Amino acid sequence: MQSENPLIADLVKVANSAAGTLAGMTREAREGARERMKEALGGLDFVSREEFDAVKDMAAKAREQAEALAARVAALEARLEK
């Protein structure tokens, strides 16, 4: 048979309450920090990875076209010199 000691029961209740309070404070601190980061980074202009990759592909295509046009101009100039 287990006897209930009111002092121990009260200490357990206090410990449980403290743990719950600490968990709530941790959650609120994390959410507050997340909001502050969103506000701090909100003014910066970031692009998504998809947008970056699309522009990178466009630049590579433009570079290839420019090289092809430069070779074509060089061939035409060579023909004019003959």
C-alpha atoms as a PDB file:
ATOM      1  CA  MET A   1       0.000   0.000   0.000  1.00  0.00           C
ATOM      2  CA  GLN A   2       1.302   3.405  -0.932  1.00  0.00           C
ATOM      3  CA  SER A   3       0.779   6.348   1.351  1.00  0.00           C
ATOM      4  CA  GLU A   4       0.288   9.784  -0.147  1.00  0.00           C
ATOM      5  CA  ASN A   5       2.444  12.485   1.298  1.00  0.00           C
ATOM      6  CA  PRO A   6       0.822  15.897   0.618  1.00  0.00           C
ATOM      7  CA  LEU A   7       4.206  17.632   0.625  1.00  0.00           C
ATOM      8  CA  ILE A   8       5.556  15.366  -2.128  1.00  0.00           C
ATOM      9  CA  ALA A   9       2.334  15.717  -4.116  1.00  0.00           C
ATOM     10  CA  ASP A  10       2.607  19.505  -3.890  1.00  0.00           C
ATOM     11  CA  LEU A  11       6.261  19.407  -4.967  1.00  0.00           C
ATOM     12  CA  VAL A  12       5.354  17.246  -7.965  1.00  0.00           C
ATOM     13  CA  LYS A  13       2.606  19.695  -8.920  1.00  0.00           C
ATOM     14  CA  VAL A  14       5.018  22.634  -8.666  1.00  0.00           C
ATOM     15  CA  ALA A  15       7.639  20.792 -10.744  1.00  0.00           C
ATOM     16  CA  ASN A  16       5.048  19.974 -13.421  1.00  0.00           C
ATOM     17  CA  SER A  17       3.856  23.563 -13.507  1.00  0.00           C
ATOM     18  CA  ALA A  18       7.420  24.850 -13.776  1.00  0.00           C
ATOM     19  CA  ALA A  19       8.140  22.453 -16.649  1.00  0.00           C
ATOM     20  CA  GLY A  20       4.995  23.592 -18.470  1.00  0.00           C
ATOM     21  CA  THR A  21       5.875  27.234 -17.930  1.00  0.00           C
ATOM     22  CA  LEU A  22       9.413  26.687 -19.165  1.00  0.00           C
ATOM     23  CA  ALA A  23       8.133  24.907 -22.285  1.00  0.00           C
ATOM     24  CA  GLY A  24       5.731  27.787 -22.955  1.00  0.00           C
ATOM     25  CA  MET A  25       8.471  30.379 -22.501  1.00  0.00           C
ATOM     26  CA  THR A  26      10.736  28.445 -24.874  1.00  0.00           C
ATOM     27  CA  ARG A  27       7.994  28.276 -27.494  1.00  0.00           C
ATOM     28  CA  GLU A  28       7.248  31.994 -27.186  1.00  0.00           C
ATOM     29  CA  ALA A  29      10.950  32.902 -27.402  1.00  0.00           C
ATOM     30  CA  ARG A  30      11.357  30.774 -30.536  1.00  0.00           C
ATOM     31  CA  GLU A  31       8.308  32.334 -32.187  1.00  0.00           C
ATOM     32  CA  GLY A  32       9.454  35.828 -31.229  1.00  0.00           C
ATOM     33  CA  ALA A  33      12.918  35.229 -32.669  1.00  0.00           C
ATOM     34  CA  ARG A  34      11.368  33.863 -35.863  1.00  0.00           C
ATOM     35  CA  GLU A  35       9.186  36.964 -36.222  1.00  0.00           C
ATOM     36  CA  ARG A  36      12.149  39.290 -35.627  1.00  0.00           C
ATOM     37  CA  MET A  37      14.136  37.463 -38.319  1.00  0.00           C
ATOM     38  CA  LYS A  38      11.236  37.752 -40.759  1.00  0.00           C
ATOM     39  CA  GLU A  39      11.020  41.486 -40.090  1.00  0.00           C
ATOM     40  CA  ALA A  40      14.787  41.955 -40.428  1.00  0.00           C
ATOM     41  CA  LEU A  41      14.989  39.985 -43.662  1.00  0.00           C
ATOM     42  CA  GLY A  42      11.700  41.281 -45.043  1.00  0.00           C
ATOM     43  CA  GLY A  43      13.287  44.380 -46.546  1.00  0.00           C
ATOM     44  CA  LEU A  44      15.946  42.412 -48.388  1.00  0.00           C
ATOM     45  CA  ASP A  45      15.340  41.293 -51.946  1.00  0.00           C
ATOM     46  CA  PHE A  46      15.882  37.558 -52.178  1.00  0.00           C
ATOM     47  CA  VAL A  47      15.018  35.396 -55.150  1.00  0.00           C
ATOM     48  CA  SER A  48      13.881  31.821 -55.093  1.00  0.00           C
ATOM     49  CA  ARG A  49      16.129  29.030 -56.285  1.00  0.00           C
ATOM     50  CA  GLU A  50      13.856  28.479 -59.295  1.00  0.00           C
ATOM     51  CA  GLU A  51      14.131  32.131 -60.353  1.00  0.00           C
ATOM     52  CA  PHE A  52      17.901  32.049 -59.939  1.00  0.00           C
ATOM     53  CA  ASP A  53      18.214  28.885 -62.037  1.00  0.00           C
ATOM     54  CA  ALA A  54      15.950  30.348 -64.753  1.00  0.00           C
ATOM     55  CA  VAL A  55      18.066  33.516 -65.038  1.00  0.00           C
ATOM     56  CA  LYS A  56      21.250  31.442 -64.986  1.00  0.00           C
ATOM     57  CA  ASP A  57      19.941  29.357 -67.904  1.00  0.00           C
ATOM     58  CA  MET A  58      18.957  32.517 -69.801  1.00  0.00           C
ATOM     59  CA  ALA A  59      22.449  33.964 -69.306  1.00  0.00           C
ATOM     60  CA  ALA A  60      24.082  30.754 -70.543  1.00  0.00           C
ATOM     61  CA  LYS A  61      21.857  30.766 -73.637  1.00  0.00           C
ATOM     62  CA  ALA A  62      22.632  34.446 -74.313  1.00  0.00           C
ATOM     63  CA  ARG A  63      26.365  33.735 -73.924  1.00  0.00           C
ATOM     64  CA  GLU A  64      26.141  30.883 -76.460  1.00  0.00           C
ATOM     65  CA  GLN A  65      24.257  33.105 -78.906  1.00  0.00           C
ATOM     66  CA  ALA A  66      26.810  35.899 -78.496  1.00  0.00           C
ATOM     67  CA  GLU A  67      29.666  33.500 -79.171  1.00  0.00           C
ATOM     68  CA  ALA A  68      27.895  32.143 -82.260  1.00  0.00           C
ATOM     69  CA  LEU A  69      27.279  35.674 -83.539  1.00  0.00           C
ATOM     70  CA  ALA A  70      30.916  36.649 -82.904  1.00  0.00           C
ATOM     71  CA  ALA A  71      32.083  33.638 -84.923  1.00  0.00           C
ATOM     72  CA  ARG A  72      29.652  34.517 -87.701  1.00  0.00           C
ATOM     73  CA  VAL A  73      30.857  38.148 -87.816  1.00  0.00           C
ATOM     74  CA  ALA A  74      34.471  36.963 -87.899  1.00  0.00           C
ATOM     75  CA  ALA A  75      33.642  34.656 -90.834  1.00  0.00           C
ATOM     76  CA  LEU A  76      31.893  37.469 -92.703  1.00  0.00           C
ATOM     77  CA  GLU A  77      34.813  39.837 -92.109  1.00  0.00           C
ATOM     78  CA  ALA A  78      37.208  37.200 -93.376  1.00  0.00           C
ATOM     79  CA  ARG A  79      35.135  36.845 -96.538  1.00  0.00           C
ATOM     80  CA  LEU A  80      35.153  40.613 -97.074  1.00  0.00           C
ATOM     81  CA  GLU A  81      38.930  40.792 -96.782  1.00  0.00           C
ATOM     82  CA  LYS A  82      39.455  38.279 -99.592  1.00  0.00           C
END
